[in-house]
Amino acid sequence: MKSNTHNFEKKINIKFKNKLLLSQALTHKSANQSENNEKIEFLGDRVIGLVLSRKLFDLYPNETEGVLDKRFANLVNRKTCCEIAWSIGIQNYIVLGHKIKISKDDEKILSDCCEAVIGAIFLDRGYIFSRDFVLKIWKSKI
């Protein structure tokens, strides 16, 4: 499956300044061992964590750390990230190696790609923009 970054930009309503960031975020290591989404995914995971932990901190000022931690874990686990990825159509844009087909059950590939897209948004547009995007796509889960 070939990545069509222009169509994905339209789908998520974000115009990237650096299209290579989005292309890399959508590229699985099976398609390219050196230029793939693994490193950007690492960053995206931290951006999501920061955004959602702050949101929970603000929403539940009287909750204990333990309760907030459980709520947080439900928002950032692989299953939830996969559902978010599916909801924004990432599965239609991931660049995979020739022998790999994507299905709704491929939680790792989908959730990793979702995190990578968030990381790419952060690198391209900054914290405020990526925060607003994360809150928008996680809204139904919060």
Foldseek 3Di string as FASTA:
>chain_A
DAADQVVLCVLLVHDFPDSLLLNQLQEDCQQPVPRHLQVLLVQLLVLLLVLQLVVLCVVCVPDDPVVSVVLSCQCRDLLNLLVLLVVSPSQVGRHHHPVDHDDSPPSVSSSSSSSSNLSSCCVGPNNVRSSVSSCVSCVVVD
